[in-house]
């Protein structure tokens, strides 16, 4: 099925081969943060009603996320003196005073993790870390790692499952986020309980059992 007219589809959607997709253009003032001028992904439904609801929710989440991104870009007196800038400048995290004085956002935790653990690692290692934490930022926001709670971890798990990720993919994404947060907390001296540890989900969900190859077929190949 070809792309349908935008007049026949809900806002921020288009149809390809009968499946609805979400699409929203990145604002020009935030384009520098993205590799693409638009956000697009499958809504995993053929129902116009469901697509409209999912697209509206995704658009609202993006608008909220972009609102906070714009707040962070505003000028604040003395902002250049904040320790939050240290990871962005490529400096190691150092413990200053008590653990409560240290503040590390998730995006900064990723930068530190990749800088210290990503040397001589393949591009897939870097992309996996950025993609996994990018999911969390999209769903729960780019916050201080110590501010995430178990309800955030549960919401993150539910959102991954709603995206259609199978159990093994959810395991990989959750594990990557858990590892990065634990590593950044250790490097910066933050004492915290990792809310992404021990989150329950069905690790076999969506996995298909592989049927054994018939013996006759094996013998034909051998012959």
Protein backbone atom coordinates (compact mmCIF):
# COMPACT_ATOMS: atom_id res chain seq x y z
CA UNK A 1 0.00 0.00 0.00
CA UNK A 2 1.47 3.35 -1.01
CA UNK A 3 1.75 6.40 1.23
CA UNK A 4 -1.66 7.86 1.83
CA UNK A 5 -2.45 11.54 1.62
CA UNK A 6 -1.64 13.50 4.74
CA UNK A 7 -5.28 14.70 4.69
CA UNK A 8 -6.46 11.13 5.34
CA UNK A 9 -4.16 10.32 8.25
CA UNK A 10 -3.97 11.57 11.86
CA UNK A 11 -1.56 14.37 12.71
CA UNK A 12 2.14 13.42 12.66
CA UNK A 13 1.51 10.12 10.85
CA UNK A 14 1.88 8.54 7.44
CA UNK A 15 1.09 5.08 6.13
CA UNK A 16 3.49 2.68 4.47
CA UNK A 17 2.42 -0.79 3.36
CA UNK A 18 -0.66 -0.52 5.56
CA UNK A 19 1.31 0.31 8.73
CA UNK A 20 1.07 3.71 10.40
CA UNK A 21 4.30 5.60 11.10
CA UNK A 22 4.99 8.57 13.35
CA UNK A 23 6.81 11.60 11.91
CA UNK A 24 7.61 14.96 13.48
CA UNK A 25 10.09 17.57 12.30
CA UNK A 26 12.86 18.62 14.69
CA UNK A 27 12.66 22.35 15.53
CA UNK A 28 15.36 24.37 13.80
CA UNK A 29 16.80 25.68 17.08
CA UNK A 30 17.39 22.09 18.28
CA UNK A 31 18.57 20.60 14.99
CA UNK A 32 22.21 20.59 16.15
CA UNK A 33 21.38 17.84 18.64
CA UNK A 34 20.06 15.41 16.01
CA UNK A 35 21.49 13.46 13.10
CA UNK A 36 18.23 13.78 11.17
CA UNK A 37 15.89 16.74 10.57
CA UNK A 38 12.89 14.64 11.62
CA UNK A 39 11.86 11.94 14.08
CA UNK A 40 10.19 8.93 12.48
CA UNK A 41 9.34 5.43 13.67
CA UNK A 42 6.73 2.73 13.22
CA UNK A 43 3.60 2.93 15.36
CA UNK A 44 3.16 -0.83 14.85
CA UNK A 45 -0.54 -0.70 14.03
CA UNK A 46 -2.91 -0.70 11.08
CA UNK A 47 -5.65 0.96 13.10
CA UNK A 48 -6.15 4.66 12.47
CA UNK A 49 -7.64 5.14 15.93
CA UNK A 50 -4.70 3.50 17.71
CA UNK A 51 -2.21 5.33 15.47
CA UNK A 52 -3.81 8.68 16.30
CA UNK A 53 -3.54 8.01 20.04
CA UNK A 54 0.07 6.78 19.85
CA UNK A 55 1.15 9.64 17.59
CA UNK A 56 -0.44 12.23 19.86
CA UNK A 57 1.33 10.71 22.87
CA UNK A 58 4.70 10.65 21.05
CA UNK A 59 4.26 14.25 19.89
CA UNK A 60 3.44 15.39 23.43
CA UNK A 61 6.51 13.58 24.81
CA UNK A 62 8.74 15.23 22.22
CA UNK A 63 7.29 18.68 22.89
CA UNK A 64 7.89 18.21 26.63
CA UNK A 65 11.44 16.96 26.02
CA UNK A 66 12.22 19.84 23.67
CA UNK A 67 10.84 22.30 26.22
CA UNK A 68 13.38 21.08 28.79
CA UNK A 69 16.17 21.14 26.19
CA UNK A 70 15.41 24.80 25.51
CA UNK A 71 15.46 25.54 29.24
CA UNK A 72 18.94 24.05 29.50
CA UNK A 73 20.17 26.27 26.65
CA UNK A 74 19.09 29.48 28.36
CA UNK A 75 21.80 31.64 29.84
CA UNK A 76 22.22 31.33 33.61
CA UNK A 77 24.76 33.54 35.43
CA UNK A 78 27.74 31.45 36.49
CA UNK A 79 26.62 28.47 34.44
CA UNK A 80 30.15 28.01 33.15
CA UNK A 81 31.32 27.34 36.72
CA UNK A 82 28.97 24.42 37.34
CA UNK A 83 30.61 21.00 37.69
CA UNK A 84 28.02 19.66 35.24
CA UNK A 85 30.17 21.08 32.47
CA UNK A 86 33.17 18.93 33.39
CA UNK A 87 32.11 15.76 31.50
CA UNK A 88 31.14 17.78 28.43
CA UNK A 89 34.62 19.29 28.39
CA UNK A 90 36.12 15.82 28.49
CA UNK A 91 37.35 16.09 32.07
CA UNK A 92 37.11 13.17 34.48
CA UNK A 93 34.46 13.20 37.16
CA UNK A 94 35.97 14.01 40.54
CA UNK A 95 34.43 13.77 43.94
CA UNK A 96 34.19 17.16 45.64
CA UNK A 97 32.96 17.26 49.21
CA UNK A 98 30.12 14.91 50.11
CA UNK A 99 28.38 12.74 47.51
CA UNK A 100 25.37 15.07 47.59
CA UNK A 101 27.45 17.85 46.04
CA UNK A 102 28.03 15.85 42.85
CA UNK A 103 25.51 16.13 40.04
CA UNK A 104 25.65 14.02 36.88
CA UNK A 105 22.97 13.92 34.19
CA UNK A 106 22.38 10.74 32.21
CA UNK A 107 23.75 12.27 29.00
CA UNK A 108 26.92 13.17 30.87
CA UNK A 109 27.12 9.67 32.33
CA UNK A 110 27.04 8.26 28.79
CA UNK A 111 29.82 10.62 27.69
CA UNK A 112 32.03 9.60 30.63
CA UNK A 113 31.30 5.90 30.14
CA UNK A 114 32.19 5.98 26.44
CA UNK A 115 35.29 8.08 27.01
CA UNK A 116 36.67 5.73 29.66
CA UNK A 117 35.31 2.38 28.51
CA UNK A 118 34.83 2.94 24.79
CA UNK A 119 38.47 3.22 23.73
CA UNK A 120 39.26 0.78 20.92
CA UNK A 121 35.70 -0.55 21.06
CA UNK A 122 33.64 -0.96 17.86
CA UNK A 123 31.09 1.62 16.74
CA UNK A 124 28.31 -0.76 17.72
CA UNK A 125 29.43 -0.44 21.36
CA UNK A 126 29.07 3.35 21.21
CA UNK A 127 25.80 3.24 19.28
CA UNK A 128 24.34 0.71 21.70
CA UNK A 129 25.11 2.87 24.73
CA UNK A 130 23.80 6.04 23.10
CA UNK A 131 20.67 4.35 21.76
CA UNK A 132 19.78 2.64 25.05
CA UNK A 133 20.16 5.78 27.13
CA UNK A 134 18.52 7.79 24.36
CA UNK A 135 15.40 5.68 24.88
CA UNK A 136 15.43 6.50 28.59
CA UNK A 137 15.95 10.22 27.94
CA UNK A 138 13.07 10.18 25.46
CA UNK A 139 10.76 8.52 27.97
CA UNK A 140 11.83 9.94 31.35
CA UNK A 141 14.00 12.94 30.48
CA UNK A 142 17.71 13.73 30.79
CA UNK A 143 17.93 13.91 34.58
CA UNK A 144 20.51 13.50 37.31
CA UNK A 145 21.23 9.79 37.60
CA UNK A 146 20.43 9.84 41.32
CA UNK A 147 16.95 11.25 40.64
CA UNK A 148 15.65 8.22 38.75
CA UNK A 149 13.33 6.02 40.79
CA UNK A 150 11.96 2.49 40.45
CA UNK A 151 8.74 3.83 38.94
CA UNK A 152 10.89 5.41 36.20
CA UNK A 153 12.58 2.06 35.58
CA UNK A 154 9.20 0.32 35.42
CA UNK A 155 7.83 2.97 33.03
CA UNK A 156 10.96 2.56 30.90
CA UNK A 157 10.48 -1.22 30.78
CA UNK A 158 6.81 -0.85 29.83
CA UNK A 159 7.65 1.64 27.08
CA UNK A 160 10.26 -0.70 25.60
CA UNK A 161 7.76 -3.55 25.57
CA UNK A 162 5.14 -1.27 24.01
CA UNK A 163 7.63 -0.47 21.25
CA UNK A 164 7.56 -4.16 20.37
CA UNK A 165 11.04 -5.09 21.65
CA UNK A 166 11.43 -8.79 22.40
CA UNK A 167 12.66 -9.99 25.78
CA UNK A 168 16.30 -10.28 24.72
CA UNK A 169 16.32 -6.70 23.40
CA UNK A 170 14.71 -5.37 26.58
CA UNK A 171 17.37 -7.25 28.56
CA UNK A 172 20.16 -5.67 26.51
CA UNK A 173 18.80 -2.12 26.73
CA UNK A 174 18.00 -2.30 30.44
CA UNK A 175 21.38 -3.86 31.15
CA UNK A 176 23.22 -1.14 29.27
CA UNK A 177 21.41 1.64 31.13
CA UNK A 178 22.00 -0.08 34.47
CA UNK A 179 25.71 -0.49 33.74
CA UNK A 180 26.23 3.12 32.62
CA UNK A 181 24.46 4.55 35.66
CA UNK A 182 26.42 2.29 38.02
CA UNK A 183 29.71 3.20 36.34
CA UNK A 184 29.05 6.96 36.44
CA UNK A 185 27.95 6.78 40.08
CA UNK A 186 31.10 4.90 41.00
CA UNK A 187 33.37 7.32 39.10
CA UNK A 188 31.77 10.38 40.70
CA UNK A 189 31.45 8.96 44.20
CA UNK A 190 27.67 9.05 44.23
CA UNK A 191 26.18 6.63 46.74
CA UNK A 192 22.86 5.46 45.34
CA UNK A 193 20.68 2.43 44.81
CA UNK A 194 20.45 1.66 41.10
CA UNK A 195 16.69 1.64 40.28
CA UNK A 196 17.32 -0.25 37.03
CA UNK A 197 18.68 -3.30 38.87
CA UNK A 198 16.29 -6.20 39.37
CA UNK A 199 13.46 -4.87 37.20
CA UNK A 200 11.19 -7.77 36.28
CA UNK A 201 10.14 -8.58 32.72
CA UNK A 202 9.65 -11.70 30.65
CA UNK A 203 13.02 -12.32 29.02
CA UNK A 204 11.47 -14.90 26.69
CA UNK A 205 8.70 -12.59 25.44
CA UNK A 206 8.51 -12.50 21.65
CA UNK A 207 11.15 -15.20 21.24
CA UNK A 208 10.28 -17.96 18.78
CA UNK A 209 11.39 -21.51 19.39
CA UNK A 210 13.68 -22.73 16.65
CA UNK A 211 12.42 -25.98 15.17
CA UNK A 212 15.05 -28.69 14.66
CA UNK A 213 16.17 -29.34 11.10
CA UNK A 214 14.71 -32.64 9.85
CA UNK A 215 17.27 -35.44 9.66
CA UNK A 216 16.28 -36.12 6.06
CA UNK A 217 17.22 -32.55 5.08
CA UNK A 218 20.62 -32.86 6.78
CA UNK A 219 21.34 -36.08 4.91
CA UNK A 220 20.34 -34.46 1.59
CA UNK A 221 22.79 -31.59 2.21
CA UNK A 222 25.54 -34.03 3.20
CA UNK A 223 24.92 -36.06 0.04
